[in-house]
Amino acid sequence: MSRCRQCQPVPEEVRQAAGLLERRWTVSILWASYEGASRFNEFKQSVGEIPPRTLALRLVELEEAGVLERRVVDARPPRVEYTLTSEGRRLRAVVDALVRFAGA
């Protein structure tokens, strides 16, 4: 007789979301984007101690996940801006819940 009950496997959607959000700095980058950061240096200033390479990787990951949209602005000099997609805005409730939890 087994004392361990049968548990449901973790759904693939939960695994994918956790895979994105559990990476270091990702939630901080999301929070910064909700506060208005849109350019690389703004994210760096807002997040703080993040290494530039890590910030670049996280921005690419969030873009690939459909959370941020990368746009090259035709200016002198050219610049890149990141904006939240509708999927990124939907994550706001998750980030806000984490903030409330941390403050409890």
PDB file of N, CA and C in Angstrom:
ATOM      1  N   MET A   1       0.841  -1.187   0.000  1.00  0.00           N
ATOM      2  CA  MET A   1       0.000   0.000   0.000  1.00  0.00           C
ATOM      3  C   MET A   1       0.886   1.251   0.000  1.00  0.00           C
ATOM      4  N   SER A   2       0.646   2.117  -0.944  1.00  0.00           N
ATOM      5  CA  SER A   2       1.436   3.333  -1.075  1.00  0.00           C
ATOM      6  C   SER A   2       0.799   4.459  -0.256  1.00  0.00           C
ATOM      7  N   ARG A   3       1.647   5.187   0.455  1.00  0.00           N
ATOM      8  CA  ARG A   3       1.144   6.298   1.262  1.00  0.00           C
ATOM      9  C   ARG A   3       1.153   7.606   0.457  1.00  0.00           C
ATOM     10  N   CYS A   4       1.651   7.526  -0.746  1.00  0.00           N
ATOM     11  CA  CYS A   4       1.737   8.708  -1.600  1.00  0.00           C
ATOM     12  C   CYS A   4       0.501   8.762  -2.500  1.00  0.00           C
ATOM     13  N   ARG A   5      -0.194   9.860  -2.502  1.00  0.00           N
ATOM     14  CA  ARG A   5      -1.370   9.965  -3.357  1.00  0.00           C
ATOM     15  C   ARG A   5      -0.962  10.379  -4.760  1.00  0.00           C
ATOM     16  N   GLN A   6      -1.817  10.150  -5.691  1.00  0.00           N
ATOM     17  CA  GLN A   6      -1.560  10.530  -7.079  1.00  0.00           C
ATOM     18  C   GLN A   6      -1.832  12.018  -7.247  1.00  0.00           C
ATOM     19  N   CYS A   7      -0.874  12.728  -7.771  1.00  0.00           N
ATOM     20  CA  CYS A   7      -1.018  14.159  -8.020  1.00  0.00           C
ATOM     21  C   CYS A   7      -1.020  14.406  -9.520  1.00  0.00           C
ATOM     22  N   GLN A   8      -1.738  15.444  -9.901  1.00  0.00           N
ATOM     23  CA  GLN A   8      -1.794  15.816 -11.311  1.00  0.00           C
ATOM     24  C   GLN A   8      -0.454  16.410 -11.745  1.00  0.00           C
ATOM     25  N   PRO A   9      -0.003  16.105 -12.959  1.00  0.00           N
ATOM     26  CA  PRO A   9       1.232  16.730 -13.444  1.00  0.00           C
ATOM     27  C   PRO A   9       1.012  18.232 -13.662  1.00  0.00           C
ATOM     28  N   VAL A  10       2.081  18.976 -13.554  1.00  0.00           N
ATOM     29  CA  VAL A  10       2.027  20.428 -13.773  1.00  0.00           C
ATOM     30  C   VAL A  10       1.701  20.679 -15.242  1.00  0.00           C
ATOM     31  N   PRO A  11       0.670  21.485 -15.523  1.00  0.00           N
ATOM     32  CA  PRO A  11       0.321  21.774 -16.920  1.00  0.00           C
ATOM     33  C   PRO A  11       1.463  22.470 -17.656  1.00  0.00           C
ATOM     34  N   GLU A  12       1.547  22.232 -18.941  1.00  0.00           N
ATOM     35  CA  GLU A  12       2.612  22.810 -19.767  1.00  0.00           C
ATOM     36  C   GLU A  12       2.585  24.335 -19.726  1.00  0.00           C
ATOM     37  N   GLU A  13       1.392  24.938 -19.669  1.00  0.00           N
ATOM     38  CA  GLU A  13       1.288  26.401 -19.615  1.00  0.00           C
ATOM     39  C   GLU A  13       1.957  26.946 -18.352  1.00  0.00           C
ATOM     40  N   VAL A  14       1.798  26.239 -17.229  1.00  0.00           N
ATOM     41  CA  VAL A  14       2.426  26.668 -15.975  1.00  0.00           C
ATOM     42  C   VAL A  14       3.935  26.537 -16.089  1.00  0.00           C
ATOM     43  N   ARG A  15       4.399  25.460 -16.683  1.00  0.00           N
ATOM     44  CA  ARG A  15       5.845  25.273 -16.878  1.00  0.00           C
ATOM     45  C   ARG A  15       6.438  26.385 -17.735  1.00  0.00           C
ATOM     46  N   GLN A  16       5.739  26.752 -18.795  1.00  0.00           N
ATOM     47  CA  GLN A  16       6.240  27.800 -19.686  1.00  0.00           C
ATOM     48  C   GLN A  16       6.279  29.147 -18.986  1.00  0.00           C
ATOM     49  N   ALA A  17       5.207  29.493 -18.275  1.00  0.00           N
ATOM     50  CA  ALA A  17       5.165  30.772 -17.562  1.00  0.00           C
ATOM     51  C   ALA A  17       6.240  30.819 -16.485  1.00  0.00           C
ATOM     52  N   ALA A  18       6.387  29.727 -15.738  1.00  0.00           N
ATOM     53  CA  ALA A  18       7.412  29.681 -14.689  1.00  0.00           C
ATOM     54  C   ALA A  18       8.801  29.760 -15.303  1.00  0.00           C
ATOM     55  N   GLY A  19       8.996  29.111 -16.429  1.00  0.00           N
ATOM     56  CA  GLY A  19      10.291  29.148 -17.096  1.00  0.00           C
ATOM     57  C   GLY A  19      10.706  30.551 -17.462  1.00  0.00           C
ATOM     58  N   LEU A  20       9.737  31.379 -17.839  1.00  0.00           N
ATOM     59  CA  LEU A  20      10.033  32.767 -18.183  1.00  0.00           C
ATOM     60  C   LEU A  20      10.225  33.613 -16.930  1.00  0.00           C
ATOM     61  N   LEU A  21       9.297  33.520 -15.997  1.00  0.00           N
ATOM     62  CA  LEU A  21       9.305  34.414 -14.841  1.00  0.00           C
ATOM     63  C   LEU A  21      10.331  34.055 -13.778  1.00  0.00           C
ATOM     64  N   GLU A  22      10.800  32.810 -13.758  1.00  0.00           N
ATOM     65  CA  GLU A  22      11.741  32.432 -12.705  1.00  0.00           C
ATOM     66  C   GLU A  22      13.174  32.867 -13.001  1.00  0.00           C
ATOM     67  N   ARG A  23      13.439  33.322 -14.203  1.00  0.00           N
ATOM     68  CA  ARG A  23      14.788  33.788 -14.524  1.00  0.00           C
ATOM     69  C   ARG A  23      15.077  35.069 -13.747  1.00  0.00           C
ATOM     70  N   ARG A  24      16.284  35.133 -13.226  1.00  0.00           N
ATOM     71  CA  ARG A  24      16.658  36.297 -12.418  1.00  0.00           C
ATOM     72  C   ARG A  24      16.509  37.580 -13.222  1.00  0.00           C
ATOM     73  N   TRP A  25      15.967  38.591 -12.597  1.00  0.00           N
ATOM     74  CA  TRP A  25      15.773  39.943 -13.104  1.00  0.00           C
ATOM     75  C   TRP A  25      14.508  40.124 -13.945  1.00  0.00           C
ATOM     76  N   THR A  26      13.862  39.055 -14.386  1.00  0.00           N
ATOM     77  CA  THR A  26      12.731  39.190 -15.301  1.00  0.00           C
ATOM     78  C   THR A  26      11.578  39.980 -14.679  1.00  0.00           C
ATOM     79  N   VAL A  27      11.211  39.654 -13.453  1.00  0.00           N
ATOM     80  CA  VAL A  27      10.107  40.372 -12.810  1.00  0.00           C
ATOM     81  C   VAL A  27      10.482  41.844 -12.599  1.00  0.00           C
ATOM     82  N   SER A  28      11.739  42.108 -12.262  1.00  0.00           N
ATOM     83  CA  SER A  28      12.189  43.494 -12.097  1.00  0.00           C
ATOM     84  C   SER A  28      12.108  44.260 -13.415  1.00  0.00           C
ATOM     85  N   ILE A  29      12.455  43.627 -14.499  1.00  0.00           N
ATOM     86  CA  ILE A  29      12.368  44.262 -15.815  1.00  0.00           C
ATOM     87  C   ILE A  29      10.913  44.545 -16.164  1.00  0.00           C
ATOM     88  N   LEU A  30      10.034  43.600 -15.876  1.00  0.00           N
ATOM     89  CA  LEU A  30       8.612  43.824 -16.120  1.00  0.00           C
ATOM     90  C   LEU A  30       8.111  45.008 -15.303  1.00  0.00           C
ATOM     91  N   TRP A  31       8.473  45.039 -14.026  1.00  0.00           N
ATOM     92  CA  TRP A  31       8.041  46.142 -13.162  1.00  0.00           C
ATOM     93  C   TRP A  31       8.528  47.478 -13.731  1.00  0.00           C
ATOM     94  N   ALA A  32       9.783  47.512 -14.163  1.00  0.00           N
ATOM     95  CA  ALA A  32      10.339  48.745 -14.734  1.00  0.00           C
ATOM     96  C   ALA A  32       9.568  49.161 -15.982  1.00  0.00           C
ATOM     97  N   SER A  33       9.162  48.200 -16.793  1.00  0.00           N
ATOM     98  CA  SER A  33       8.409  48.542 -18.003  1.00  0.00           C
ATOM     99  C   SER A  33       7.038  49.106 -17.651  1.00  0.00           C
ATOM    100  N   TYR A  34       6.412  48.617 -16.571  1.00  0.00           N
ATOM    101  CA  TYR A  34       5.137  49.176 -16.138  1.00  0.00           C
ATOM    102  C   TYR A  34       5.303  50.600 -15.611  1.00  0.00           C
ATOM    103  N   GLU A  35       6.498  50.903 -15.106  1.00  0.00           N
ATOM    104  CA  GLU A  35       6.781  52.236 -14.575  1.00  0.00           C
ATOM    105  C   GLU A  35       7.248  53.197 -15.658  1.00  0.00           C
ATOM    106  N   GLY A  36       7.361  52.742 -16.901  1.00  0.00           N
ATOM    107  CA  GLY A  36       7.667  53.632 -18.009  1.00  0.00           C
ATOM    108  C   GLY A  36       9.002  53.429 -18.696  1.00  0.00           C
ATOM    109  N   ALA A  37       9.830  52.523 -18.211  1.00  0.00           N
ATOM    110  CA  ALA A  37      11.114  52.289 -18.891  1.00  0.00           C
ATOM    111  C   ALA A  37      10.847  51.724 -20.280  1.00  0.00           C
ATOM    112  N   SER A  38      11.553  52.246 -21.268  1.00  0.00           N
ATOM    113  CA  SER A  38      11.364  51.737 -22.625  1.00  0.00           C
ATOM    114  C   SER A  38      12.682  51.555 -23.370  1.00  0.00           C
ATOM    115  N   ARG A  39      13.758  52.150 -22.875  1.00  0.00           N
ATOM    116  CA  ARG A  39      15.052  52.027 -23.543  1.00  0.00           C
ATOM    117  C   ARG A  39      16.026  51.291 -22.639  1.00  0.00           C
ATOM    118  N   PHE A  40      17.058  50.724 -23.247  1.00  0.00           N
ATOM    119  CA  PHE A  40      18.012  49.886 -22.526  1.00  0.00           C
ATOM    120  C   PHE A  40      18.548  50.577 -21.276  1.00  0.00           C
ATOM    121  N   ASN A  41      19.035  51.808 -21.428  1.00  0.00           N
ATOM    122  CA  ASN A  41      19.619  52.525 -20.289  1.00  0.00           C
ATOM    123  C   ASN A  41      18.588  52.849 -19.210  1.00  0.00           C
ATOM    124  N   GLU A  42      17.332  53.040 -19.597  1.00  0.00           N
ATOM    125  CA  GLU A  42      16.283  53.262 -18.604  1.00  0.00           C
ATOM    126  C   GLU A  42      16.044  52.006 -17.782  1.00  0.00           C
ATOM    127  N   PHE A  43      16.032  50.852 -18.459  1.00  0.00           N
ATOM    128  CA  PHE A  43      15.901  49.588 -17.732  1.00  0.00           C
ATOM    129  C   PHE A  43      17.092  49.394 -16.798  1.00  0.00           C
ATOM    130  N   LYS A  44      18.283  49.657 -17.297  1.00  0.00           N
ATOM    131  CA  LYS A  44      19.491  49.493 -16.495  1.00  0.00           C
ATOM    132  C   LYS A  44      19.454  50.389 -15.261  1.00  0.00           C
ATOM    133  N   GLN A  45      19.054  51.619 -15.435  1.00  0.00           N
ATOM    134  CA  GLN A  45      18.970  52.558 -14.321  1.00  0.00           C
ATOM    135  C   GLN A  45      17.907  52.106 -13.311  1.00  0.00           C
ATOM    136  N   SER A  46      16.791  51.650 -13.797  1.00  0.00           N
ATOM    137  CA  SER A  46      15.691  51.249 -12.915  1.00  0.00           C
ATOM    138  C   SER A  46      15.998  49.958 -12.166  1.00  0.00           C
ATOM    139  N   VAL A  47      16.538  48.963 -12.864  1.00  0.00           N
ATOM    140  CA  VAL A  47      16.782  47.652 -12.261  1.00  0.00           C
ATOM    141  C   VAL A  47      18.019  47.676 -11.371  1.00  0.00           C
ATOM    142  N   GLY A  48      19.039  48.410 -11.758  1.00  0.00           N
ATOM    143  CA  GLY A  48      20.209  48.560 -10.899  1.00  0.00           C
ATOM    144  C   GLY A  48      21.383  47.688 -11.272  1.00  0.00           C
ATOM    145  N   GLU A  49      21.727  46.757 -10.426  1.00  0.00           N
ATOM    146  CA  GLU A  49      22.970  45.987 -10.522  1.00  0.00           C
ATOM    147  C   GLU A  49      23.014  44.946 -11.641  1.00  0.00           C
ATOM    148  N   ILE A  50      22.053  44.906 -12.511  1.00  0.00           N
ATOM    149  CA  ILE A  50      22.003  43.881 -13.557  1.00  0.00           C
ATOM    150  C   ILE A  50      23.150  44.080 -14.554  1.00  0.00           C
ATOM    151  N   PRO A  51      23.881  43.008 -14.864  1.00  0.00           N
ATOM    152  CA  PRO A  51      24.925  43.118 -15.892  1.00  0.00           C
ATOM    153  C   PRO A  51      24.297  43.425 -17.257  1.00  0.00           C
ATOM    154  N   PRO A  52      24.925  44.257 -18.068  1.00  0.00           N
ATOM    155  CA  PRO A  52      24.359  44.622 -19.365  1.00  0.00           C
ATOM    156  C   PRO A  52      24.035  43.415 -20.247  1.00  0.00           C
ATOM    157  N   ARG A  53      24.895  42.422 -20.235  1.00  0.00           N
ATOM    158  CA  ARG A  53      24.647  41.235 -21.064  1.00  0.00           C
ATOM    159  C   ARG A  53      23.380  40.510 -20.608  1.00  0.00           C
ATOM    160  N   THR A  54      23.191  40.414 -19.302  1.00  0.00           N
ATOM    161  CA  THR A  54      22.007  39.757 -18.763  1.00  0.00           C
ATOM    162  C   THR A  54      20.758  40.546 -19.121  1.00  0.00           C
ATOM    163  N   LEU A  55      20.826  41.864 -19.005  1.00  0.00           N
ATOM    164  CA  LEU A  55      19.682  42.697 -19.377  1.00  0.00           C
ATOM    165  C   LEU A  55      19.324  42.481 -20.842  1.00  0.00           C
ATOM    166  N   ALA A  56      20.321  42.477 -21.709  1.00  0.00           N
ATOM    167  CA  ALA A  56      20.074  42.259 -23.136  1.00  0.00           C
ATOM    168  C   ALA A  56      19.423  40.903 -23.374  1.00  0.00           C
ATOM    169  N   LEU A  57      19.920  39.867 -22.697  1.00  0.00           N
ATOM    170  CA  LEU A  57      19.341  38.524 -22.851  1.00  0.00           C
ATOM    171  C   LEU A  57      17.895  38.480 -22.372  1.00  0.00           C
ATOM    172  N   ARG A  58      17.616  39.094 -21.226  1.00  0.00           N
ATOM    173  CA  ARG A  58      16.249  39.081 -20.696  1.00  0.00           C
ATOM    174  C   ARG A  58      15.296  39.852 -21.610  1.00  0.00           C
ATOM    175  N   LEU A  59      15.747  40.967 -22.172  1.00  0.00           N
ATOM    176  CA  LEU A  59      14.901  41.714 -23.094  1.00  0.00           C
ATOM    177  C   LEU A  59      14.582  40.880 -24.333  1.00  0.00           C
ATOM    178  N   VAL A  60      15.563  40.150 -24.842  1.00  0.00           N
ATOM    179  CA  VAL A  60      15.332  39.268 -25.992  1.00  0.00           C
ATOM    180  C   VAL A  60      14.347  38.160 -25.616  1.00  0.00           C
ATOM    181  N   GLU A  61      14.523  37.562 -24.440  1.00  0.00           N
ATOM    182  CA  GLU A  61      13.618  36.496 -23.999  1.00  0.00           C
ATOM    183  C   GLU A  61      12.188  37.005 -23.860  1.00  0.00           C
ATOM    184  N   LEU A  62      12.029  38.198 -23.293  1.00  0.00           N
ATOM    185  CA  LEU A  62      10.689  38.759 -23.142  1.00  0.00           C
ATOM    186  C   LEU A  62      10.085  39.111 -24.498  1.00  0.00           C
ATOM    187  N   GLU A  63      10.923  39.531 -25.429  1.00  0.00           N
ATOM    188  CA  GLU A  63      10.439  39.800 -26.784  1.00  0.00           C
ATOM    189  C   GLU A  63      10.007  38.497 -27.457  1.00  0.00           C
ATOM    190  N   GLU A  64      10.830  37.466 -27.353  1.00  0.00           N
ATOM    191  CA  GLU A  64      10.494  36.166 -27.958  1.00  0.00           C
ATOM    192  C   GLU A  64       9.243  35.550 -27.345  1.00  0.00           C
ATOM    193  N   ALA A  65       8.994  35.835 -26.077  1.00  0.00           N
ATOM    194  CA  ALA A  65       7.809  35.312 -25.393  1.00  0.00           C
ATOM    195  C   ALA A  65       6.564  36.125 -25.725  1.00  0.00           C
ATOM    196  N   GLY A  66       6.729  37.231 -26.446  1.00  0.00           N
ATOM    197  CA  GLY A  66       5.582  38.050 -26.815  1.00  0.00           C
ATOM    198  C   GLY A  66       5.135  39.002 -25.725  1.00  0.00           C
ATOM    199  N   VAL A  67       6.019  39.273 -24.752  1.00  0.00           N
ATOM    200  CA  VAL A  67       5.696  40.159 -23.641  1.00  0.00           C
ATOM    201  C   VAL A  67       6.103  41.598 -23.956  1.00  0.00           C
ATOM    202  N   LEU A  68       7.235  41.758 -24.612  1.00  0.00           N
ATOM    203  CA  LEU A  68       7.715  43.070 -25.037  1.00  0.00           C
ATOM    204  C   LEU A  68       7.833  43.095 -26.556  1.00  0.00           C
ATOM    205  N   GLU A  69       7.656  44.269 -27.110  1.00  0.00           N
ATOM    206  CA  GLU A  69       7.876  44.469 -28.543  1.00  0.00           C
ATOM    207  C   GLU A  69       9.061  45.398 -28.709  1.00  0.00           C
ATOM    208  N   ARG A  70      10.002  45.008 -29.544  1.00  0.00           N
ATOM    209  CA  ARG A  70      11.202  45.795 -29.804  1.00  0.00           C
ATOM    210  C   ARG A  70      10.972  46.612 -31.065  1.00  0.00           C
ATOM    211  N   ARG A  71      11.262  47.920 -30.983  1.00  0.00           N
ATOM    212  CA  ARG A  71      11.058  48.799 -32.125  1.00  0.00           C
ATOM    213  C   ARG A  71      12.289  49.665 -32.298  1.00  0.00           C
ATOM    214  N   VAL A  72      12.814  49.689 -33.508  1.00  0.00           N
ATOM    215  CA  VAL A  72      13.954  50.554 -33.827  1.00  0.00           C
ATOM    216  C   VAL A  72      13.389  51.889 -34.290  1.00  0.00           C
ATOM    217  N   VAL A  73      13.796  52.959 -33.600  1.00  0.00           N
ATOM    218  CA  VAL A  73      13.332  54.301 -33.924  1.00  0.00           C
ATOM    219  C   VAL A  73      14.337  54.920 -34.890  1.00  0.00           C
ATOM    220  N   ASP A  74      13.834  55.360 -36.026  1.00  0.00           N
ATOM    221  CA  ASP A  74      14.691  55.978 -37.044  1.00  0.00           C
ATOM    222  C   ASP A  74      14.988  57.410 -36.628  1.00  0.00           C
ATOM    223  N   ALA A  75      16.100  57.575 -35.951  1.00  0.00           N
ATOM    224  CA  ALA A  75      16.523  58.898 -35.475  1.00  0.00           C
ATOM    225  C   ALA A  75      18.035  58.964 -35.610  1.00  0.00           C
ATOM    226  N   ARG A  76      18.594  60.087 -35.289  1.00  0.00           N
ATOM    227  CA  ARG A  76      20.052  60.243 -35.296  1.00  0.00           C
ATOM    228  C   ARG A  76      20.512  60.423 -33.869  1.00  0.00           C
ATOM    229  N   PRO A  77      21.212  59.545 -33.267  1.00  0.00           N
ATOM    230  CA  PRO A  77      21.487  58.178 -33.720  1.00  0.00           C
ATOM    231  C   PRO A  77      20.252  57.295 -33.555  1.00  0.00           C
ATOM    232  N   PRO A  78      20.193  56.188 -34.307  1.00  0.00           N
ATOM    233  CA  PRO A  78      19.060  55.268 -34.166  1.00  0.00           C
ATOM    234  C   PRO A  78      18.997  54.737 -32.735  1.00  0.00           C
ATOM    235  N   ARG A  79      17.794  54.470 -32.274  1.00  0.00           N
ATOM    236  CA  ARG A  79      17.649  53.924 -30.931  1.00  0.00           C
ATOM    237  C   ARG A  79      16.594  52.825 -30.942  1.00  0.00           C
ATOM    238  N   VAL A  80      16.629  52.018 -29.898  1.00  0.00           N
ATOM    239  CA  VAL A  80      15.692  50.907 -29.756  1.00  0.00           C
ATOM    240  C   VAL A  80      14.817  51.177 -28.548  1.00  0.00           C
ATOM    241  N   GLU A  81      13.521  50.958 -28.708  1.00  0.00           N
ATOM    242  CA  GLU A  81      12.581  51.094 -27.609  1.00  0.00           C
ATOM    243  C   GLU A  81      11.788  49.805 -27.463  1.00  0.00           C
ATOM    244  N   TYR A  82      11.438  49.505 -26.227  1.00  0.00           N
ATOM    245  CA  TYR A  82      10.638  48.316 -25.919  1.00  0.00           C
ATOM    246  C   TYR A  82       9.304  48.767 -25.365  1.00  0.00           C
ATOM    247  N   THR A  83       8.234  48.189 -25.866  1.00  0.00           N
ATOM    248  CA  THR A  83       6.904  48.485 -25.353  1.00  0.00           C
ATOM    249  C   THR A  83       6.225  47.177 -24.968  1.00  0.00           C
ATOM    250  N   LEU A  84       5.363  47.265 -23.991  1.00  0.00           N
ATOM    251  CA  LEU A  84       4.610  46.097 -23.561  1.00  0.00           C
ATOM    252  C   LEU A  84       3.582  45.722 -24.619  1.00  0.00           C
ATOM    253  N   THR A  85       3.437  44.434 -24.851  1.00  0.00           N
ATOM    254  CA  THR A  85       2.373  43.941 -25.713  1.00  0.00           C
ATOM    255  C   THR A  85       1.134  43.729 -24.845  1.00  0.00           C
ATOM    256  N   SER A  86       0.047  43.326 -25.454  1.00  0.00           N
ATOM    257  CA  SER A  86      -1.153  43.026 -24.660  1.00  0.00           C
ATOM    258  C   SER A  86      -0.866  41.883 -23.694  1.00  0.00           C
ATOM    259  N   GLU A  87      -0.060  40.915 -24.116  1.00  0.00           N
ATOM    260  CA  GLU A  87       0.324  39.810 -23.217  1.00  0.00           C
ATOM    261  C   GLU A  87       1.140  40.335 -22.044  1.00  0.00           C
ATOM    262  N   GLY A  88       2.021  41.275 -22.304  1.00  0.00           N
ATOM    263  CA  GLY A  88       2.824  41.864 -21.241  1.00  0.00           C
ATOM    264  C   GLY A  88       1.974  42.636 -20.256  1.00  0.00           C
ATOM    265  N   ARG A  89       0.973  43.335 -20.752  1.00  0.00           N
ATOM    266  CA  ARG A  89       0.078  44.074 -19.858  1.00  0.00           C
ATOM    267  C   ARG A  89      -0.746  43.118 -19.004  1.00  0.00           C
ATOM    268  N   ARG A  90      -1.074  41.951 -19.537  1.00  0.00           N
ATOM    269  CA  ARG A  90      -1.829  40.959 -18.760  1.00  0.00           C
ATOM    270  C   ARG A  90      -1.021  40.434 -17.580  1.00  0.00           C
ATOM    271  N   LEU A  91       0.305  40.456 -17.679  1.00  0.00           N
ATOM    272  CA  LEU A  91       1.162  39.993 -16.578  1.00  0.00           C
ATOM    273  C   LEU A  91       1.206  40.982 -15.422  1.00  0.00           C
ATOM    274  N   ARG A  92       0.687  42.168 -15.611  1.00  0.00           N
ATOM    275  CA  ARG A  92       0.729  43.193 -14.559  1.00  0.00           C
ATOM    276  C   ARG A  92       0.106  42.689 -13.264  1.00  0.00           C
ATOM    277  N   ALA A  93      -0.992  41.951 -13.368  1.00  0.00           N
ATOM    278  CA  ALA A  93      -1.658  41.427 -12.170  1.00  0.00           C
ATOM    279  C   ALA A  93      -0.742  40.489 -11.398  1.00  0.00           C
ATOM    280  N   VAL A  94       0.065  39.711 -12.108  1.00  0.00           N
ATOM    281  CA  VAL A  94       1.001  38.786 -11.453  1.00  0.00           C
ATOM    282  C   VAL A  94       2.084  39.572 -10.722  1.00  0.00           C
ATOM    283  N   VAL A  95       2.649  40.563 -11.385  1.00  0.00           N
ATOM    284  CA  VAL A  95       3.710  41.382 -10.770  1.00  0.00           C
ATOM    285  C   VAL A  95       3.149  42.142  -9.570  1.00  0.00           C
ATOM    286  N   ASP A  96       1.952  42.701  -9.708  1.00  0.00           N
ATOM    287  CA  ASP A  96       1.339  43.412  -8.586  1.00  0.00           C
ATOM    288  C   ASP A  96       1.094  42.478  -7.400  1.00  0.00           C
ATOM    289  N   ALA A  97       0.669  41.239  -7.684  1.00  0.00           N
ATOM    290  CA  ALA A  97       0.456  40.263  -6.610  1.00  0.00           C
ATOM    291  C   ALA A  97       1.766  39.933  -5.902  1.00  0.00           C
ATOM    292  N   LEU A  98       2.861  39.833  -6.651  1.00  0.00           N
ATOM    293  CA  LEU A  98       4.165  39.576  -6.053  1.00  0.00           C
ATOM    294  C   LEU A  98       4.595  40.742  -5.162  1.00  0.00           C
ATOM    295  N   VAL A  99       4.326  41.960  -5.603  1.00  0.00           N
ATOM    296  CA  VAL A  99       4.662  43.144  -4.812  1.00  0.00           C
ATOM    297  C   VAL A  99       3.862  43.135  -3.502  1.00  0.00           C
ATOM    298  N   ARG A 100       2.574  42.839  -3.605  1.00  0.00           N
ATOM    299  CA  ARG A 100       1.747  42.777  -2.386  1.00  0.00           C
ATOM    300  C   ARG A 100       2.227  41.675  -1.450  1.00  0.00           C
ATOM    301  N   PHE A 101       2.588  40.528  -2.006  1.00  0.00           N
ATOM    302  CA  PHE A 101       3.065  39.408  -1.201  1.00  0.00           C
ATOM    303  C   PHE A 101       4.364  39.782  -0.472  1.00  0.00           C
ATOM    304  N   ALA A 102       5.262  40.438  -1.185  1.00  0.00           N
ATOM    305  CA  ALA A 102       6.550  40.817  -0.596  1.00  0.00           C
ATOM    306  C   ALA A 102       6.370  41.857   0.509  1.00  0.00           C
ATOM    307  N   GLY A 103       5.341  42.669   0.395  1.00  0.00           N
ATOM    308  CA  GLY A 103       5.092  43.699   1.393  1.00  0.00           C
ATOM    309  C   GLY A 103       4.313  43.208   2.597  1.00  0.00           C
ATOM    310  N   ALA A 104       3.812  41.981   2.519  1.00  0.00           N
ATOM    311  CA  ALA A 104       2.971  41.453   3.617  1.00  0.00           C
ATOM    312  C   ALA A 104       3.771  41.082   4.835  1.00  0.00           C
TER     313      ALA A 104
END
